[in-house]
Structure formats: structure tokens, C-alpha cells
N, C-alpha and C. Protein backbone atom coordinates (compact mmCIF):
# COMPACT_ATOMS: atom_id res chain seq x y z
N MET A 1 118.48 82.85 118.06
CA MET A 1 117.91 83.58 119.20
C MET A 1 117.15 84.87 118.59
N HIS A 2 116.07 85.17 119.15
CA HIS A 2 115.22 86.22 118.60
C HIS A 2 115.28 87.43 119.47
N ALA A 3 115.50 88.60 118.80
CA ALA A 3 115.63 89.95 119.35
C ALA A 3 114.19 90.39 119.68
N ILE A 4 113.85 90.59 120.96
CA ILE A 4 112.58 90.98 121.45
C ILE A 4 112.75 92.23 122.30
N ALA A 5 111.98 93.28 121.96
CA ALA A 5 111.96 94.58 122.81
C ALA A 5 110.99 94.32 123.94
N TYR A 6 111.58 94.30 125.11
CA TYR A 6 110.79 94.15 126.30
C TYR A 6 110.68 95.51 126.99
N PRO A 7 109.62 95.76 127.67
CA PRO A 7 109.42 97.02 128.38
C PRO A 7 110.69 96.97 129.45
N GLU A 8 110.91 98.26 129.80
CA GLU A 8 112.09 98.53 130.72
C GLU A 8 111.74 97.87 132.10
N VAL A 9 110.62 97.59 132.41
CA VAL A 9 110.29 96.94 133.77
C VAL A 9 110.66 95.53 133.82
N MET A 10 111.15 94.99 132.70
CA MET A 10 111.48 93.44 132.67
C MET A 10 112.47 93.23 133.72
N ALA A 11 113.34 94.18 134.13
CA ALA A 11 114.35 93.97 135.08
C ALA A 11 113.73 93.60 136.42
N GLU A 12 112.52 94.08 136.68
CA GLU A 12 111.72 93.86 137.78
C GLU A 12 110.52 92.87 137.56
N GLY A 13 110.69 91.99 136.74
CA GLY A 13 109.70 91.10 136.14
C GLY A 13 108.86 90.48 137.29
N ARG A 14 107.61 90.34 137.06
CA ARG A 14 106.71 89.62 137.95
C ARG A 14 106.17 88.28 137.20
N THR A 15 105.80 87.41 138.03
CA THR A 15 105.22 86.21 137.40
C THR A 15 103.73 86.35 137.56
N ILE A 16 103.14 85.91 136.38
CA ILE A 16 101.59 85.70 136.33
C ILE A 16 101.23 84.29 136.03
N GLN A 17 100.35 83.69 136.82
CA GLN A 17 100.02 82.32 136.54
C GLN A 17 98.56 82.32 136.31
N VAL A 18 98.17 81.65 135.21
CA VAL A 18 96.77 81.47 134.78
C VAL A 18 96.44 80.07 134.85
N ARG A 19 95.47 79.83 135.53
CA ARG A 19 94.90 78.39 135.72
C ARG A 19 93.70 78.19 135.01
N ASP A 20 93.37 76.90 134.68
CA ASP A 20 92.12 76.38 134.07
C ASP A 20 91.95 76.96 132.63
N VAL A 21 93.05 76.93 131.89
CA VAL A 21 93.05 77.46 130.54
C VAL A 21 92.55 76.20 129.76
N ASP A 22 91.57 76.52 128.89
CA ASP A 22 91.09 75.50 128.05
C ASP A 22 92.07 74.89 127.07
N PRO A 23 92.19 73.68 126.93
CA PRO A 23 93.22 73.00 126.13
C PRO A 23 93.37 73.45 124.73
N ASP A 24 92.27 73.77 124.16
CA ASP A 24 92.23 74.22 122.79
C ASP A 24 92.80 75.58 122.73
N LEU A 25 92.54 76.55 123.70
CA LEU A 25 93.01 77.85 123.79
C LEU A 25 94.58 77.77 123.87
N TYR A 26 94.95 76.80 124.77
CA TYR A 26 96.40 76.73 125.06
C TYR A 26 97.14 76.37 123.86
N GLU A 27 96.64 75.30 123.05
CA GLU A 27 97.29 74.83 121.81
C GLU A 27 97.36 76.10 120.75
N ALA A 28 96.24 76.86 120.63
CA ALA A 28 96.21 77.89 119.82
C ALA A 28 97.26 78.95 120.16
N LEU A 29 97.58 79.23 121.42
CA LEU A 29 98.45 80.19 121.82
C LEU A 29 99.89 79.68 121.58
N VAL A 30 100.07 78.29 121.85
CA VAL A 30 101.40 77.71 121.47
C VAL A 30 101.55 77.87 119.99
N ARG A 31 100.66 77.50 119.12
CA ARG A 31 100.86 77.72 117.69
C ARG A 31 101.20 79.11 117.27
N MET A 32 100.53 80.05 117.81
CA MET A 32 100.70 81.46 117.54
C MET A 32 102.02 81.86 117.84
N ALA A 33 102.54 81.46 119.08
CA ALA A 33 103.86 81.78 119.51
C ALA A 33 104.89 81.12 118.63
N ASP A 34 104.64 79.88 118.18
CA ASP A 34 105.55 79.17 117.37
C ASP A 34 105.72 79.79 116.04
N GLU A 35 104.53 80.23 115.46
CA GLU A 35 104.58 80.92 114.09
C GLU A 35 105.35 82.17 114.18
N ARG A 36 105.58 82.77 115.26
CA ARG A 36 106.37 84.06 115.47
C ARG A 36 107.78 83.62 115.99
N GLY A 37 108.03 82.45 116.09
CA GLY A 37 109.44 82.06 116.56
C GLY A 37 109.62 82.36 117.93
N LEU A 38 108.64 82.38 118.89
CA LEU A 38 108.68 82.85 120.19
C LEU A 38 108.38 81.71 121.23
N SER A 39 108.93 81.79 122.38
CA SER A 39 108.35 80.92 123.39
C SER A 39 106.86 81.41 123.77
N LEU A 40 106.21 80.52 124.38
CA LEU A 40 104.83 80.84 124.81
C LEU A 40 104.97 82.08 125.82
N SER A 41 105.84 82.07 126.62
CA SER A 41 105.98 83.12 127.67
C SER A 41 106.34 84.51 126.92
N ALA A 42 107.34 84.40 125.94
CA ALA A 42 107.59 85.67 125.30
C ALA A 42 106.50 86.14 124.51
N PHE A 43 105.66 85.30 123.86
CA PHE A 43 104.59 85.73 123.10
C PHE A 43 103.47 86.31 123.98
N LEU A 44 103.17 85.75 125.05
CA LEU A 44 102.20 86.20 125.99
C LEU A 44 102.69 87.65 126.59
N ARG A 45 103.98 87.70 126.89
CA ARG A 45 104.35 89.02 127.34
C ARG A 45 104.16 90.15 126.37
N LEU A 46 104.41 89.89 124.98
CA LEU A 46 104.16 90.74 124.05
C LEU A 46 102.68 91.08 123.82
N GLU A 47 101.83 90.07 123.88
CA GLU A 47 100.43 90.26 123.74
C GLU A 47 99.80 91.11 124.93
N LEU A 48 100.31 90.84 126.10
CA LEU A 48 99.80 91.54 127.34
C LEU A 48 100.25 93.02 127.14
N ALA A 49 101.46 93.28 126.57
CA ALA A 49 101.82 94.68 126.45
C ALA A 49 100.93 95.33 125.35
N ARG A 50 100.74 94.62 124.29
CA ARG A 50 99.92 95.13 123.19
C ARG A 50 98.52 95.47 123.75
N ILE A 51 97.93 94.56 124.55
CA ILE A 51 96.54 94.83 125.09
C ILE A 51 96.54 96.02 126.00
N THR A 52 97.63 96.15 126.80
CA THR A 52 97.70 97.29 127.76
C THR A 52 97.79 98.58 126.76
N ASP A 53 98.62 98.58 125.76
CA ASP A 53 98.73 99.81 124.82
C ASP A 53 97.41 100.18 124.27
N LEU A 54 96.68 99.16 123.86
CA LEU A 54 95.33 99.47 123.23
C LEU A 54 94.41 100.02 124.12
N ARG A 55 94.34 99.64 125.46
CA ARG A 55 93.49 100.17 126.49
C ARG A 55 93.85 101.63 126.85
N ALA A 56 95.25 101.81 126.91
CA ALA A 56 95.66 103.04 127.19
C ALA A 56 95.44 104.24 126.00
N ALA A 57 95.42 103.64 124.71
CA ALA A 57 95.14 104.53 123.49
C ALA A 57 93.65 104.76 123.54
N ARG A 58 92.75 103.83 123.87
CA ARG A 58 91.36 103.97 123.87
C ARG A 58 90.97 105.03 124.92
N ALA A 59 91.66 104.97 126.13
CA ALA A 59 91.29 105.80 127.33
C ALA A 59 91.72 107.21 126.86
N ALA A 60 92.85 107.42 126.26
CA ALA A 60 93.35 108.67 125.85
C ALA A 60 92.29 109.36 124.82
N TRP A 61 91.85 108.43 123.94
CA TRP A 61 90.87 108.92 122.94
C TRP A 61 89.63 109.43 123.57
N ARG A 62 89.16 108.56 124.52
CA ARG A 62 87.87 108.99 125.18
C ARG A 62 88.04 110.24 125.97
N ALA A 63 89.17 110.39 126.55
CA ALA A 63 89.47 111.70 127.42
C ALA A 63 89.47 112.95 126.55
N ARG A 64 89.80 112.82 125.21
CA ARG A 64 89.97 113.93 124.27
C ARG A 64 88.45 114.24 123.67
N ARG A 65 87.58 113.37 123.74
CA ARG A 65 86.27 113.58 123.16
C ARG A 65 85.64 114.84 123.86
N PRO A 66 84.99 115.72 123.05
CA PRO A 66 84.36 116.80 123.69
C PRO A 66 83.19 116.47 124.57
N GLU A 67 82.90 117.21 125.55
CA GLU A 67 81.72 116.98 126.32
C GLU A 67 80.46 117.28 125.54
N PRO A 68 79.40 116.63 125.80
CA PRO A 68 78.15 116.97 125.07
C PRO A 68 77.66 118.31 125.50
N ILE A 69 77.04 119.00 124.39
CA ILE A 69 76.54 120.22 124.81
C ILE A 69 75.11 120.06 125.24
N PRO A 70 74.73 120.62 126.54
CA PRO A 70 73.30 120.43 127.12
C PRO A 70 72.26 120.92 126.07
N GLY A 71 71.27 120.18 125.94
CA GLY A 71 70.14 120.55 125.05
C GLY A 71 70.47 120.39 123.61
N LEU A 72 71.55 119.93 123.05
CA LEU A 72 71.83 119.81 121.75
C LEU A 72 71.50 118.33 121.41
N THR A 73 70.46 118.18 120.54
CA THR A 73 69.95 116.80 120.06
C THR A 73 69.99 116.85 118.60
N HIS A 74 69.73 115.70 117.99
CA HIS A 74 69.53 115.51 116.66
C HIS A 74 68.48 116.38 116.13
N GLU A 75 67.33 116.35 116.84
CA GLU A 75 66.18 117.14 116.42
C GLU A 75 66.45 118.58 116.43
N SER A 76 67.17 119.10 117.47
CA SER A 76 67.47 120.61 117.50
C SER A 76 68.30 121.04 116.35
N ILE A 77 69.24 120.13 115.97
CA ILE A 77 70.12 120.43 114.90
C ILE A 77 69.36 120.48 113.55
N VAL A 78 68.50 119.54 113.38
CA VAL A 78 67.74 119.42 112.14
C VAL A 78 66.84 120.72 112.03
N ALA A 79 66.20 121.05 113.13
CA ALA A 79 65.33 122.14 113.19
C ALA A 79 66.14 123.45 112.82
N THR A 80 67.24 123.62 113.36
CA THR A 80 68.08 124.80 113.14
C THR A 80 68.50 124.82 111.66
N ILE A 81 68.91 123.71 111.07
CA ILE A 81 69.21 123.75 109.61
C ILE A 81 67.97 124.11 108.86
N ARG A 82 66.86 123.48 109.08
CA ARG A 82 65.64 123.82 108.24
C ARG A 82 65.24 125.22 108.43
N GLU A 83 65.36 125.77 109.58
CA GLU A 83 65.05 127.20 109.87
C GLU A 83 66.00 128.07 108.97
N ALA A 84 67.29 127.74 108.96
CA ALA A 84 68.28 128.54 108.24
C ALA A 84 68.14 128.46 106.72
N ARG A 85 67.79 127.40 106.16
CA ARG A 85 67.65 127.23 104.77
C ARG A 85 66.23 127.73 104.25
N GLY A 86 65.34 127.73 105.02
CA GLY A 86 64.04 128.08 104.54
C GLY A 86 63.20 126.96 104.04
N PRO A 87 62.02 127.32 103.66
CA PRO A 87 61.16 126.17 103.21
C PRO A 87 61.61 125.57 101.89
N LEU A 88 61.39 124.32 101.68
CA LEU A 88 61.65 123.66 100.37
C LEU A 88 60.44 123.50 99.60
N PRO A 89 60.51 123.42 98.29
CA PRO A 89 59.40 123.35 97.44
C PRO A 89 58.41 122.09 97.91
N GLY A 90 57.20 122.33 98.14
CA GLY A 90 56.38 121.45 98.65
C GLY A 90 56.11 121.41 100.10
N ASP A 91 56.93 122.19 100.86
CA ASP A 91 56.74 122.25 102.35
C ASP A 91 55.40 122.91 102.80
N ASP A 92 54.82 123.71 101.90
CA ASP A 92 53.65 124.49 102.23
C ASP A 92 52.41 123.58 102.04
N GLU A 93 52.53 122.40 101.59
CA GLU A 93 51.40 121.46 101.38
C GLU A 93 50.83 120.90 102.72
């Protein structure tokens, strides 16, 4: 028997049914589950939890990104740097 950590909501588990799965995909999923010593259902539960965690992590990362500064462009940054450093040799040509 394999020890698997399930989310606490497993006590209130719901059933998901997926129809029209390509036979090659089904066989690949069964192989992946078997390689990990899991039933297909247990493997899919873990994969669904992993997908959900990834989406939550991406959403949290996006939420932390700073808002763009109005008017700040690549060109304005380059112009400010060039203005601050002064002319380079050959700029007066």
C-alpha cells in the first residue's frame, strides 16, 4: 500500500468523469501511474492538485508584479541614460 497525501477535502470527494479520451493518452496515463506505483485515479488526483497549485502560484506571481509606469518606454529609458552619461566619442559626427 502506498502512502499518498490527499488534500483535506478528500473527505468530501467529488467524482469527475472525462469522456472521449484518446486511447494513446489513456495508455500513457496508465503507464505514468504504474511507474509511480499508483492507481490511475490516485495519479490523476495528484496531477490535478499539482496543476491547481501551479495556476495558483502563477496567479500570485502576476498579482505581485508592479504596475507599468505611464509613459515609461524602452526609448525613454535609453534617452535618459544617454542624457545622464553624456556624449560618447564619435557622437558628434
